[in-house]
Amino acid sequence: MALTREFKETVAARVQRDDRFREALFIEAINAYLAGETAVGKAMLRDLVNATVGFEALATTLKKPSKSLHRMLAPHGNPSTENFFGIVNALQKKAHVKLRVTAKAG
């Protein structure tokens, strides 16, 4: 099921005004990746990029074409490790969120 423009705009507005929501969305995006749900993680990262830095500014920061970044975070996109962590690093700076990995026995 495709998300509507209204829903995406609502998420973007909340990301911009609510620091805790922005942080939680970022954490859940990374957790989705770690759980093997890469399509979900990419969708959340796309939302964060759109609501924070934007693809054009991200492209400038990473010195990559914005179309390439769009493709990387598309449902069937496959960013390299370098590109993925470049995106994550840029989002951490823009969103003022510092991610840290901790291990839990499970």
N, C-alpha and C. Protein backbone atom coordinates (compact mmCIF):
# COMPACT_ATOMS: atom_id res chain seq x y z
N MET A 1 0.84 -1.16 0.00
CA MET A 1 0.00 0.00 0.00
C MET A 1 0.90 1.25 0.00
N ALA A 2 0.70 2.11 -0.94
CA ALA A 2 1.48 3.33 -1.05
C ALA A 2 0.99 4.36 -0.03
N LEU A 3 1.94 5.12 0.48
CA LEU A 3 1.58 6.17 1.42
C LEU A 3 1.08 7.39 0.66
N THR A 4 0.13 8.07 1.22
CA THR A 4 -0.41 9.25 0.57
C THR A 4 0.50 10.45 0.83
N ARG A 5 0.39 11.43 -0.03
CA ARG A 5 1.17 12.66 0.13
C ARG A 5 0.84 13.31 1.47
N GLU A 6 -0.43 13.29 1.85
CA GLU A 6 -0.84 13.91 3.11
C GLU A 6 -0.14 13.25 4.30
N PHE A 7 -0.04 11.92 4.28
CA PHE A 7 0.64 11.20 5.37
C PHE A 7 2.12 11.59 5.41
N LYS A 8 2.77 11.60 4.26
CA LYS A 8 4.19 11.97 4.20
C LYS A 8 4.41 13.39 4.68
N GLU A 9 3.52 14.29 4.33
CA GLU A 9 3.64 15.68 4.79
C GLU A 9 3.44 15.77 6.30
N THR A 10 2.55 14.96 6.84
CA THR A 10 2.31 14.93 8.28
C THR A 10 3.55 14.44 9.02
N VAL A 11 4.16 13.37 8.50
CA VAL A 11 5.39 12.85 9.11
C VAL A 11 6.49 13.91 9.04
N ALA A 12 6.65 14.55 7.88
CA ALA A 12 7.69 15.58 7.72
C ALA A 12 7.48 16.73 8.71
N ALA A 13 6.24 17.17 8.86
CA ALA A 13 5.96 18.27 9.78
C ALA A 13 6.28 17.87 11.22
N ARG A 14 5.97 16.65 11.57
CA ARG A 14 6.24 16.20 12.95
C ARG A 14 7.74 16.06 13.19
N VAL A 15 8.47 15.55 12.19
CA VAL A 15 9.92 15.43 12.30
C VAL A 15 10.55 16.80 12.54
N GLN A 16 10.03 17.81 11.86
CA GLN A 16 10.59 19.16 11.97
C GLN A 16 10.30 19.82 13.31
N ARG A 17 9.18 19.50 13.93
CA ARG A 17 8.82 20.20 15.17
C ARG A 17 9.05 19.39 16.43
N ASP A 18 9.24 18.08 16.32
CA ASP A 18 9.30 17.22 17.50
C ASP A 18 10.64 16.46 17.53
N ASP A 19 11.56 16.93 18.37
CA ASP A 19 12.89 16.32 18.46
C ASP A 19 12.83 14.85 18.84
N ARG A 20 11.97 14.51 19.78
CA ARG A 20 11.87 13.11 20.23
C ARG A 20 11.34 12.21 19.13
N PHE A 21 10.38 12.71 18.35
CA PHE A 21 9.85 11.92 17.24
C PHE A 21 10.93 11.70 16.18
N ARG A 22 11.69 12.77 15.88
CA ARG A 22 12.78 12.67 14.89
C ARG A 22 13.80 11.64 15.33
N GLU A 23 14.16 11.69 16.60
CA GLU A 23 15.13 10.73 17.14
C GLU A 23 14.58 9.30 17.08
N ALA A 24 13.33 9.13 17.47
CA ALA A 24 12.71 7.79 17.46
C ALA A 24 12.62 7.24 16.04
N LEU A 25 12.27 8.08 15.08
CA LEU A 25 12.18 7.63 13.69
C LEU A 25 13.55 7.20 13.18
N PHE A 26 14.57 7.95 13.52
CA PHE A 26 15.94 7.63 13.12
C PHE A 26 16.37 6.30 13.74
N ILE A 27 16.13 6.13 15.02
CA ILE A 27 16.48 4.88 15.70
C ILE A 27 15.75 3.70 15.08
N GLU A 28 14.46 3.86 14.81
CA GLU A 28 13.69 2.76 14.22
C GLU A 28 14.17 2.43 12.81
N ALA A 29 14.61 3.44 12.06
CA ALA A 29 15.15 3.18 10.72
C ALA A 29 16.39 2.30 10.81
N ILE A 30 17.28 2.62 11.71
CA ILE A 30 18.51 1.83 11.87
C ILE A 30 18.18 0.45 12.43
N ASN A 31 17.26 0.39 13.38
CA ASN A 31 16.85 -0.92 13.92
C ASN A 31 16.23 -1.80 12.84
N ALA A 32 15.47 -1.20 11.93
CA ALA A 32 14.90 -1.97 10.83
C ALA A 32 16.01 -2.56 9.97
N TYR A 33 17.02 -1.77 9.67
CA TYR A 33 18.17 -2.29 8.92
C TYR A 33 18.82 -3.45 9.66
N LEU A 34 19.07 -3.27 10.94
CA LEU A 34 19.73 -4.32 11.73
C LEU A 34 18.89 -5.59 11.81
N ALA A 35 17.59 -5.45 11.71
CA ALA A 35 16.68 -6.60 11.74
C ALA A 35 16.50 -7.23 10.36
N GLY A 36 17.17 -6.68 9.35
CA GLY A 36 17.05 -7.23 8.00
C GLY A 36 15.88 -6.67 7.21
N GLU A 37 15.18 -5.69 7.75
CA GLU A 37 14.05 -5.07 7.06
C GLU A 37 14.54 -3.81 6.35
N THR A 38 15.36 -4.02 5.32
CA THR A 38 16.02 -2.89 4.66
C THR A 38 15.04 -1.97 3.94
N ALA A 39 13.99 -2.50 3.36
CA ALA A 39 13.03 -1.65 2.67
C ALA A 39 12.36 -0.68 3.65
N VAL A 40 12.04 -1.17 4.83
CA VAL A 40 11.43 -0.33 5.86
C VAL A 40 12.44 0.73 6.32
N GLY A 41 13.67 0.30 6.56
CA GLY A 41 14.72 1.23 6.98
C GLY A 41 14.96 2.32 5.95
N LYS A 42 15.01 1.94 4.67
CA LYS A 42 15.21 2.93 3.61
C LYS A 42 14.05 3.90 3.53
N ALA A 43 12.83 3.42 3.70
CA ALA A 43 11.66 4.30 3.65
C ALA A 43 11.73 5.33 4.78
N MET A 44 12.12 4.90 5.95
CA MET A 44 12.24 5.82 7.09
C MET A 44 13.37 6.82 6.87
N LEU A 45 14.49 6.35 6.33
CA LEU A 45 15.60 7.26 6.04
C LEU A 45 15.20 8.28 4.98
N ARG A 46 14.43 7.86 3.97
CA ARG A 46 13.92 8.80 2.96
C ARG A 46 13.09 9.89 3.61
N ASP A 47 12.20 9.47 4.53
CA ASP A 47 11.36 10.45 5.24
C ASP A 47 12.23 11.43 6.02
N LEU A 48 13.26 10.92 6.68
CA LEU A 48 14.16 11.79 7.44
C LEU A 48 14.92 12.76 6.54
N VAL A 49 15.41 12.27 5.42
CA VAL A 49 16.12 13.14 4.48
C VAL A 49 15.18 14.23 4.00
N ASN A 50 14.00 13.86 3.57
CA ASN A 50 13.04 14.84 3.07
C ASN A 50 12.65 15.87 4.13
N ALA A 51 12.54 15.44 5.38
CA ALA A 51 12.07 16.34 6.43
C ALA A 51 13.19 17.16 7.07
N THR A 52 14.44 16.78 6.86
CA THR A 52 15.54 17.49 7.51
C THR A 52 16.42 18.20 6.49
N VAL A 53 17.34 17.48 5.92
CA VAL A 53 18.36 18.09 5.07
C VAL A 53 17.89 18.27 3.62
N GLY A 54 17.06 17.37 3.12
CA GLY A 54 16.64 17.40 1.72
C GLY A 54 17.68 16.71 0.84
N PHE A 55 17.23 16.14 -0.26
CA PHE A 55 18.14 15.37 -1.12
C PHE A 55 19.17 16.24 -1.83
N GLU A 56 18.82 17.46 -2.19
CA GLU A 56 19.78 18.33 -2.89
C GLU A 56 20.94 18.71 -1.96
N ALA A 57 20.62 19.09 -0.73
CA ALA A 57 21.68 19.46 0.22
C ALA A 57 22.49 18.23 0.62
N LEU A 58 21.83 17.09 0.76
CA LEU A 58 22.55 15.85 1.08
C LEU A 58 23.51 15.50 -0.05
N ALA A 59 23.07 15.69 -1.28
CA ALA A 59 23.92 15.41 -2.44
C ALA A 59 25.17 16.29 -2.41
N THR A 60 25.00 17.55 -2.06
CA THR A 60 26.13 18.46 -1.97
C THR A 60 27.09 18.02 -0.86
N THR A 61 26.54 17.67 0.29
CA THR A 61 27.35 17.22 1.42
C THR A 61 28.16 15.98 1.07
N LEU A 62 27.50 15.01 0.42
CA LEU A 62 28.15 13.74 0.12
C LEU A 62 28.89 13.73 -1.22
N LYS A 63 28.75 14.82 -1.96
CA LYS A 63 29.36 14.91 -3.29
C LYS A 63 28.91 13.76 -4.20
N LYS A 64 27.61 13.54 -4.16
CA LYS A 64 26.94 12.51 -4.99
C LYS A 64 25.76 13.16 -5.67
N PRO A 65 25.40 12.71 -6.86
CA PRO A 65 24.19 13.25 -7.51
C PRO A 65 22.94 12.92 -6.69
N SER A 66 22.02 13.87 -6.60
CA SER A 66 20.81 13.64 -5.81
C SER A 66 20.00 12.47 -6.37
N LYS A 67 20.01 12.29 -7.69
CA LYS A 67 19.27 11.16 -8.28
C LYS A 67 19.85 9.83 -7.80
N SER A 68 21.17 9.78 -7.62
CA SER A 68 21.80 8.56 -7.10
C SER A 68 21.35 8.28 -5.68
N LEU A 69 21.26 9.34 -4.88
CA LEU A 69 20.80 9.17 -3.50
C LEU A 69 19.34 8.71 -3.46
N HIS A 70 18.52 9.27 -4.34
CA HIS A 70 17.12 8.83 -4.43
C HIS A 70 17.07 7.34 -4.76
N ARG A 71 17.88 6.91 -5.73
CA ARG A 71 17.89 5.49 -6.11
C ARG A 71 18.37 4.62 -4.96
N MET A 72 19.39 5.08 -4.23
CA MET A 72 19.93 4.29 -3.12
C MET A 72 18.87 4.02 -2.07
N LEU A 73 18.01 5.01 -1.81
CA LEU A 73 17.00 4.87 -0.76
C LEU A 73 15.64 4.47 -1.31
N ALA A 74 15.59 4.10 -2.58
CA ALA A 74 14.36 3.58 -3.18
C ALA A 74 14.13 2.16 -2.66
N PRO A 75 12.91 1.63 -2.79
CA PRO A 75 12.62 0.29 -2.25
C PRO A 75 13.59 -0.80 -2.72
N HIS A 76 14.05 -0.73 -3.96
CA HIS A 76 14.98 -1.76 -4.45
C HIS A 76 16.41 -1.23 -4.54
N GLY A 77 16.66 -0.07 -3.95
CA GLY A 77 17.99 0.51 -3.96
C GLY A 77 18.95 -0.30 -3.09
N ASN A 78 20.23 -0.15 -3.39
CA ASN A 78 21.23 -0.91 -2.65
C ASN A 78 22.46 -0.04 -2.44
N PRO A 79 22.41 0.87 -1.45
CA PRO A 79 23.57 1.73 -1.22
C PRO A 79 24.77 0.93 -0.73
N SER A 80 25.95 1.33 -1.15
CA SER A 80 27.16 0.70 -0.62
C SER A 80 27.26 1.04 0.86
N THR A 81 28.11 0.33 1.56
CA THR A 81 28.31 0.62 2.98
C THR A 81 28.80 2.04 3.17
N GLU A 82 29.72 2.48 2.33
CA GLU A 82 30.24 3.85 2.42
C GLU A 82 29.13 4.88 2.24
N ASN A 83 28.28 4.67 1.23
CA ASN A 83 27.19 5.61 0.99
C ASN A 83 26.15 5.56 2.11
N PHE A 84 25.83 4.37 2.58
CA PHE A 84 24.85 4.24 3.66
C PHE A 84 25.31 5.01 4.89
N PHE A 85 26.55 4.77 5.31
CA PHE A 85 27.04 5.45 6.51
C PHE A 85 27.29 6.93 6.27
N GLY A 86 27.55 7.32 5.05
CA GLY A 86 27.62 8.75 4.73
C GLY A 86 26.28 9.42 4.93
N ILE A 87 25.22 8.76 4.48
CA ILE A 87 23.86 9.28 4.67
C ILE A 87 23.53 9.34 6.16
N VAL A 88 23.82 8.27 6.89
CA VAL A 88 23.54 8.23 8.33
C VAL A 88 24.31 9.33 9.05
N ASN A 89 25.58 9.51 8.71
CA ASN A 89 26.39 10.54 9.36
C ASN A 89 25.83 11.94 9.09
N ALA A 90 25.47 12.20 7.84
CA ALA A 90 24.91 13.52 7.50
C ALA A 90 23.59 13.75 8.23
N LEU A 91 22.76 12.71 8.33
CA LEU A 91 21.49 12.85 9.05
C LEU A 91 21.71 13.08 10.54
N GLN A 92 22.70 12.42 11.12
CA GLN A 92 22.99 12.63 12.54
C GLN A 92 23.32 14.09 12.79
N LYS A 93 24.14 14.67 11.92
CA LYS A 93 24.53 16.07 12.09
C LYS A 93 23.33 17.00 11.92
N LYS A 94 22.55 16.79 10.88
CA LYS A 94 21.42 17.67 10.60
C LYS A 94 20.30 17.52 11.63
N ALA A 95 20.05 16.27 12.03
CA ALA A 95 18.96 16.01 12.98
C ALA A 95 19.39 16.19 14.43
N HIS A 96 20.67 16.48 14.65
CA HIS A 96 21.21 16.65 16.00
C HIS A 96 20.94 15.41 16.84
N VAL A 97 21.20 14.24 16.24
CA VAL A 97 21.02 12.96 16.91
C VAL A 97 22.34 12.20 16.78
N LYS A 98 22.84 11.70 17.89
CA LYS A 98 24.05 10.88 17.88
C LYS A 98 23.64 9.45 18.17
N LEU A 99 23.76 8.58 17.16
CA LEU A 99 23.39 7.18 17.34
C LEU A 99 24.56 6.40 17.93
N ARG A 100 24.21 5.39 18.72
CA ARG A 100 25.20 4.54 19.35
C ARG A 100 24.62 3.13 19.37
N VAL A 101 25.43 2.15 19.04
CA VAL A 101 24.98 0.76 19.04
C VAL A 101 25.33 0.14 20.38
N THR A 102 24.36 -0.53 20.97
CA THR A 102 24.60 -1.28 22.21
C THR A 102 24.08 -2.69 22.02
N ALA A 103 24.75 -3.63 22.64
CA ALA A 103 24.35 -5.04 22.52
C ALA A 103 23.44 -5.41 23.68
N LYS A 104 22.44 -6.24 23.37
CA LYS A 104 21.54 -6.77 24.38
C LYS A 104 21.46 -8.27 24.17
N ALA A 105 21.52 -9.01 25.23
CA ALA A 105 21.35 -10.45 25.12
C ALA A 105 19.91 -10.73 24.73
N GLY A 106 19.72 -11.59 23.79
CA GLY A 106 18.35 -11.82 23.34
C GLY A 106 18.10 -13.22 23.14
